[in-house]
C-alpha atoms as a PDB file:
ATOM      1  CA  MET A   1      81.170 119.722-224.223  1.00  0.00           C
ATOM      2  CA  ASN A   2      83.873 119.978-226.855  1.00  0.00           C
ATOM      3  CA  GLN A   3      84.531 123.625-225.957  1.00  0.00           C
ATOM      4  CA  LYS A   4      85.006 122.745-222.270  1.00  0.00           C
ATOM      5  CA  LYS A   5      87.443 119.979-223.179  1.00  0.00           C
ATOM      6  CA  LYS A   6      89.547 122.349-225.297  1.00  0.00           C
ATOM      7  CA  ILE A   7      89.621 124.957-222.532  1.00  0.00           C
ATOM      8  CA  LEU A   8      90.634 122.337-219.973  1.00  0.00           C
ATOM      9  CA  GLN A   9      93.392 121.001-222.237  1.00  0.00           C
ATOM     10  CA  PHE A  10      94.699 124.515-222.855  1.00  0.00           C
ATOM     11  CA  ALA A  11      94.676 125.286-219.126  1.00  0.00           C
ATOM     12  CA  LEU A  12      96.552 122.068-218.303  1.00  0.00           C
ATOM     13  CA  ILE A  13      99.159 122.694-220.984  1.00  0.00           C
ATOM     14  CA  MET A  14      99.718 126.246-219.753  1.00  0.00           C
ATOM     15  CA  LEU A  15     100.003 124.956-216.179  1.00  0.00           C
ATOM     16  CA  MET A  16     102.588 122.366-217.213  1.00  0.00           C
ATOM     17  CA  LEU A  17     104.599 125.006-219.053  1.00  0.00           C
ATOM     18  CA  CYS A  18     104.503 127.669-216.335  1.00  0.00           C
ATOM     19  CA  VAL A  19     104.969 125.667-213.125  1.00  0.00           C
ATOM     20  CA  PRO A  20     108.532 124.438-213.860  1.00  0.00           C
ATOM     21  CA  MET A  21     109.653 128.049-214.279  1.00  0.00           C
ATOM     22  CA  LEU A  22     108.546 128.758-210.719  1.00  0.00           C
ATOM     23  CA  LEU A  23     110.241 125.716-209.211  1.00  0.00           C
ATOM     24  CA  ARG A  24     113.952 126.450-208.937  1.00  0.00           C
ATOM     25  CA  ALA A  25     116.520 124.474-206.998  1.00  0.00           C
ATOM     26  CA  GLN A  26     118.897 127.400-206.605  1.00  0.00           C
ATOM     27  CA  ASP A  27     118.644 131.157-206.543  1.00  0.00           C
ATOM     28  CA  PHE A  28     119.911 133.078-209.521  1.00  0.00           C
ATOM     29  CA  ASP A  29     122.572 135.324-208.042  1.00  0.00           C
ATOM     30  CA  ASP A  30     126.003 136.631-208.987  1.00  0.00           C
ATOM     31  CA  ASN A  31     127.873 134.106-206.811  1.00  0.00           C
ATOM     32  CA  THR A  32     127.398 131.205-209.211  1.00  0.00           C
ATOM     33  CA  LEU A  33     131.163 130.936-209.772  1.00  0.00           C
ATOM     34  CA  ASP A  34     131.706 129.988-206.125  1.00  0.00           C
ATOM     35  CA  ASN A  35     129.429 126.960-206.327  1.00  0.00           C
ATOM     36  CA  PRO A  36     131.182 123.838-207.619  1.00  0.00           C
ATOM     37  CA  VAL A  37     129.450 121.825-210.319  1.00  0.00           C
ATOM     38  CA  PRO A  38     128.666 118.245-209.303  1.00  0.00           C
ATOM     39  CA  PHE A  39     130.603 115.670-211.299  1.00  0.00           C
ATOM     40  CA  ASP A  40     127.861 113.078-211.243  1.00  0.00           C
ATOM     41  CA  GLY A  41     125.492 114.470-213.814  1.00  0.00           C
ATOM     42  CA  GLY A  42     125.060 111.179-215.601  1.00  0.00           C
ATOM     43  CA  VAL A  43     128.759 110.451-215.942  1.00  0.00           C
ATOM     44  CA  SER A  44     128.449 107.434-213.650  1.00  0.00           C
ATOM     45  CA  CYS A  45     125.794 105.969-215.979  1.00  0.00           C
ATOM     46  CA  LEU A  46     128.114 106.440-218.953  1.00  0.00           C
ATOM     47  CA  VAL A  47     131.012 104.796-217.120  1.00  0.00           C
ATOM     48  CA  GLY A  48     128.792 101.874-216.107  1.00  0.00           C
ATOM     49  CA  ALA A  49     127.584 101.435-219.679  1.00  0.00           C
ATOM     50  CA  ALA A  50     131.178 101.481-220.951  1.00  0.00           C
ATOM     51  CA  VAL A  51     132.176  98.799-218.426  1.00  0.00           C
ATOM     52  CA  LEU A  52     129.254  96.594-219.408  1.00  0.00           C
ATOM     53  CA  TYR A  53     130.015  97.077-223.106  1.00  0.00           C
ATOM     54  CA  GLY A  54     133.663  96.130-222.526  1.00  0.00           C
ATOM     55  CA  LEU A  55     132.646  93.010-220.603  1.00  0.00           C
ATOM     56  CA  LYS A  56     130.305  92.019-223.428  1.00  0.00           C
ATOM     57  CA  LYS A  57     133.059  92.454-226.003  1.00  0.00           C
ATOM     58  CA  ALA A  58     135.545  90.463-223.892  1.00  0.00           C
ATOM     59  CA  HIS A  59     133.005  87.672-223.476  1.00  0.00           C
ATOM     60  CA  SER A  60     132.263  87.544-227.208  1.00  0.00           C
ATOM     61  CA  ARG A  61     135.984  87.445-228.069  1.00  0.00           C
ATOM     62  CA  LYS A  62     136.556  84.648-225.571  1.00  0.00           C
ATOM     63  CA  LYS A  63     133.565  82.748-226.954  1.00  0.00           C
ATOM     64  CA  ASN A  64     134.753  83.099-230.567  1.00  0.00           C
ATOM     65  CA  ALA A  65     138.432  82.353-229.809  1.00  0.00           C
ATOM     66  CA  GLY A  66     138.134  78.902-231.356  1.00  0.00           C
ATOM     67  CA  ASP A  67     136.731  80.250-234.620  1.00  0.00           C
ATOM     68  CA  ASP A  68     138.848  81.512-237.515  1.00  0.00           C
ATOM     69  CA  THR A  69     136.942  84.798-237.616  1.00  0.00           C
ATOM     70  CA  ILE A  70     137.894  87.780-235.482  1.00  0.00           C
ATOM     71  CA  ALA A  71     135.112  89.280-233.407  1.00  0.00           C
ATOM     72  CA  LEU A  72     135.239  93.057-233.161  1.00  0.00           C
END
């Protein structure tokens, strides 16, 4: 039983490693310079996180305005 389990695990690992190589969104050709790169590759998440961080900092500074300490 242990031998079958090891063979099955090995087969599943090999399947998980090989299948993504076969699944391609685009063809690999020489005209890759003509295709524009999309701007939104996670940049919108970074901008949203920066906005939320700035709002948090502004809120903490407003909250601590009455104190003698400076919130950074």
